[in-house]
Protein backbone atom coordinates (compact mmCIF):
# COMPACT_ATOMS: atom_id res chain seq x y z
CA MET A 1 -9.18 30.58 -162.59
CA ARG A 2 -5.75 32.51 -162.09
CA ARG A 3 -6.70 33.68 -158.71
CA VAL A 4 -7.36 29.98 -157.57
CA GLY A 5 -4.03 28.70 -158.95
CA VAL A 6 -2.22 31.71 -157.37
CA LEU A 7 -4.23 31.18 -153.92
CA THR A 8 -3.37 27.11 -153.74
CA ILE A 9 0.42 27.77 -154.35
CA VAL A 10 0.30 30.16 -151.49
CA ALA A 11 -1.42 27.87 -149.29
CA ALA A 12 1.17 25.29 -150.32
CA LEU A 13 3.95 27.22 -149.67
CA ALA A 14 1.94 28.28 -146.24
CA ALA A 15 1.80 24.52 -145.21
CA LEU A 16 5.49 23.69 -145.88
CA PRO A 17 6.80 24.83 -142.50
CA ALA A 18 4.49 23.16 -140.65
CA ALA A 19 4.83 20.06 -142.52
CA GLN A 20 8.50 20.16 -141.76
CA ALA A 21 8.11 20.72 -138.15
CA ALA A 22 5.44 17.32 -137.75
CA ALA A 23 8.25 15.43 -139.79
CA GLN A 24 10.80 16.29 -137.18
CA GLY A 25 8.76 15.19 -134.36
CA ASN A 26 9.35 16.38 -130.77
CA ALA A 27 10.85 13.29 -129.09
CA GLY A 28 13.76 14.94 -127.32
CA PHE A 29 16.66 16.40 -130.02
CA SER A 30 15.30 16.96 -133.34
CA VAL A 31 18.04 16.50 -135.77
CA GLY A 32 17.52 19.80 -136.75
CA ASP A 33 17.99 21.52 -133.14
CA LEU A 34 21.01 19.49 -133.22
CA VAL A 35 22.55 20.49 -136.18
CA TYR A 36 21.66 24.14 -135.16
CA ALA A 37 23.15 23.48 -131.68
CA HIS A 38 26.27 22.35 -133.49
CA SER A 39 26.66 25.00 -136.02
CA VAL A 40 26.54 27.57 -133.23
CA VAL A 41 28.69 25.85 -130.96
CA GLN A 42 31.11 25.38 -134.00
CA GLY A 43 31.27 29.25 -134.47
CA ARG A 44 31.92 30.42 -131.34
CA THR A 45 35.86 30.43 -130.45
CA GLN A 46 36.73 31.35 -126.82
CA ASP A 47 33.33 33.87 -126.79
CA HIS A 48 31.70 32.05 -123.96
CA GLY A 49 28.42 34.11 -123.66
CA SER A 50 26.20 36.59 -125.10
CA PRO A 51 25.61 39.99 -123.41
CA ASP A 52 21.99 37.92 -122.13
CA SER A 53 23.61 34.71 -121.47
CA PRO A 54 24.54 33.30 -117.84
CA PHE A 55 27.90 32.84 -119.06
CA SER A 56 28.61 36.40 -119.59
CA GLN A 57 28.35 36.69 -115.66
CA VAL A 58 30.99 34.34 -115.00
CA SER A 59 34.18 35.89 -113.16
CA LYS A 60 37.18 36.88 -115.10
CA GLU A 61 39.22 33.84 -113.39
CA ALA A 62 36.82 31.45 -114.63
CA ARG A 63 37.07 32.87 -118.06
CA GLY A 64 40.87 32.77 -117.85
CA TRP A 65 40.66 29.02 -116.57
CA ILE A 66 38.30 28.30 -119.45
CA ALA A 67 40.59 29.65 -121.97
CA ALA A 68 43.39 27.84 -120.26
CA GLU A 69 41.78 24.74 -120.46
CA THR A 70 40.67 24.60 -124.12
CA LYS A 71 44.54 25.30 -125.20
CA ARG A 72 45.45 22.72 -122.79
CA GLN A 73 42.72 20.41 -124.50
CA ILE A 74 44.11 21.03 -127.90
CA ASP A 75 47.59 20.32 -126.77
CA THR A 76 47.14 17.52 -124.45
CA PRO A 77 43.22 16.21 -124.84
CA ARG A 78 41.64 14.61 -121.98
CA THR A 79 38.31 12.47 -121.93
CA PRO A 80 34.87 14.82 -121.44
CA ASP A 81 34.60 13.17 -118.05
CA GLU A 82 37.93 14.28 -116.91
CA VAL A 83 37.16 17.94 -118.14
CA ALA A 84 33.98 18.05 -116.76
CA SER A 85 35.40 17.08 -113.22
CA SER A 86 37.82 19.95 -113.59
CA VAL A 87 35.21 22.46 -114.63
CA ASP A 88 33.07 21.29 -111.78
CA THR A 89 36.03 21.95 -109.19
CA ALA A 90 37.51 25.23 -111.01
CA LEU A 91 34.08 26.98 -111.31
CA ALA A 92 32.28 25.87 -108.24
CA ASP A 93 31.58 29.34 -107.03
CA ASP A 94 30.24 30.56 -110.32
CA GLU A 95 28.36 27.54 -110.69
CA MET A 96 26.62 27.82 -107.47
CA ARG A 97 25.99 31.68 -108.04
CA LEU A 98 24.43 31.20 -111.22
CA SER A 99 22.75 28.05 -110.47
CA LYS A 100 20.81 29.83 -107.64
CA ARG A 101 20.39 33.21 -109.58
CA TYR A 102 18.75 31.47 -112.87
CA SER A 103 17.32 28.28 -111.27
CA ILE A 104 19.80 26.06 -113.20
CA ASP A 105 21.23 22.88 -112.23
CA PRO A 106 25.04 23.31 -111.43
CA ALA A 107 25.61 19.97 -113.43
CA ASP A 108 23.82 21.73 -116.58
CA ILE A 109 26.37 24.70 -116.09
CA THR A 110 29.18 21.98 -116.14
CA ARG A 111 27.96 19.99 -118.89
CA ALA A 112 27.48 23.04 -121.09
CA VAL A 113 30.66 24.71 -120.24
CA THR A 114 32.43 21.48 -121.05
CA LEU A 115 30.80 21.04 -124.53
CA LEU A 116 32.15 24.22 -125.23
CA ILE A 117 35.47 23.47 -124.02
CA MET A 118 35.18 20.48 -126.31
CA ALA A 119 34.11 22.30 -129.12
CA ASP A 120 36.68 25.09 -128.98
CA ALA A 121 39.48 22.37 -128.78
CA GLU A 122 37.94 20.73 -131.90
CA ASP A 123 38.02 24.21 -133.72
CA GLY A 124 41.70 24.54 -132.43
CA ALA A 125 42.75 21.04 -133.33
CA SER A 126 41.21 21.24 -136.74
CA LYS A 127 42.97 24.66 -137.55
CA LEU A 128 46.20 23.18 -136.35
CA ALA A 129 46.00 20.18 -138.48
CA ARG A 130 45.21 22.23 -141.50
CA GLN A 131 48.68 23.91 -140.93
CA ALA A 132 50.16 21.09 -140.15
CA ARG A 133 49.22 19.77 -143.84
CA LYS A 134 50.41 22.92 -145.40
CA SER A 135 53.73 22.44 -143.83
CA GLY A 136 54.70 19.35 -146.15
CA ASP A 137 56.00 17.16 -143.16
CA PRO A 138 53.86 13.92 -143.17
CA VAL A 139 54.77 12.94 -139.54
CA VAL A 140 53.55 16.42 -138.02
CA ALA A 141 50.80 16.42 -140.39
CA GLN A 142 49.67 12.60 -138.96
CA ALA A 143 49.87 13.87 -135.70
CA ALA A 144 47.71 16.67 -136.14
CA ALA A 145 45.27 14.81 -137.64
CA GLU A 146 45.38 12.26 -134.78
CA LYS A 147 44.88 14.90 -132.06
CA ALA A 148 42.05 16.71 -134.65
CA ALA A 149 40.11 13.05 -134.42
CA HIS A 150 40.81 12.85 -130.83
CA ALA A 151 39.08 16.29 -130.24
CA THR A 152 35.95 15.41 -132.73
CA ALA A 153 35.55 12.07 -130.75
CA ASN A 154 35.49 14.19 -127.51
CA ARG A 155 33.33 16.73 -128.68
CA LYS A 156 31.02 13.97 -130.28
CA ALA A 157 31.05 12.35 -126.43
CA ALA A 158 30.42 15.79 -124.78
CA VAL A 159 27.47 16.19 -126.88
CA LYS A 160 26.00 13.02 -125.81
CA MET A 161 26.46 14.09 -121.95
CA GLN A 162 24.06 16.91 -122.27
CA SER A 163 20.66 17.40 -121.50
CA GLU A 164 18.32 20.03 -122.97
CA ILE A 165 18.96 22.57 -120.53
CA SER A 166 22.61 22.22 -120.98
CA MET A 167 22.60 22.22 -124.57
CA PHE A 168 20.49 25.15 -124.76
CA LEU A 169 23.04 27.28 -122.36
CA ALA A 170 25.87 26.06 -124.80
CA THR A 171 24.15 27.66 -127.63
CA LEU A 172 23.70 30.84 -125.70
């Protein structure tokens, strides 16, 4: 009798992940996928690419440009469309090389880099807002909070621009 109870519990625990996966569905991005992708992107700060990532093979000039663009985005936020246009222009050679090597649409690379810049800018703006709150000056704190809110809105807009492939690239 005791063995049957233990087997029932084990069977119920084994079926739990399958039930959760079925509940999420497979239409587009599931909420779990987006939450995971967001946490990965938020956890990155200026580290564009693990060793196996296509972004690890971007030129040093491109990496420097991405870091500089992130700083510019923190200081004077622009829309994701404007940043994507700049990314497309500045990284044109790297995009073409990587798109041929990995059979990726260059637009997906542009969207992924744009999302990474927006996510890092949001992280930087949030840090500056926290520092401004600690300073005690309400005018500076308000301005920093507005920049942080604008950076968050830009990141959300950049997420909406993503395709499945570009979202995957951004999480590498």
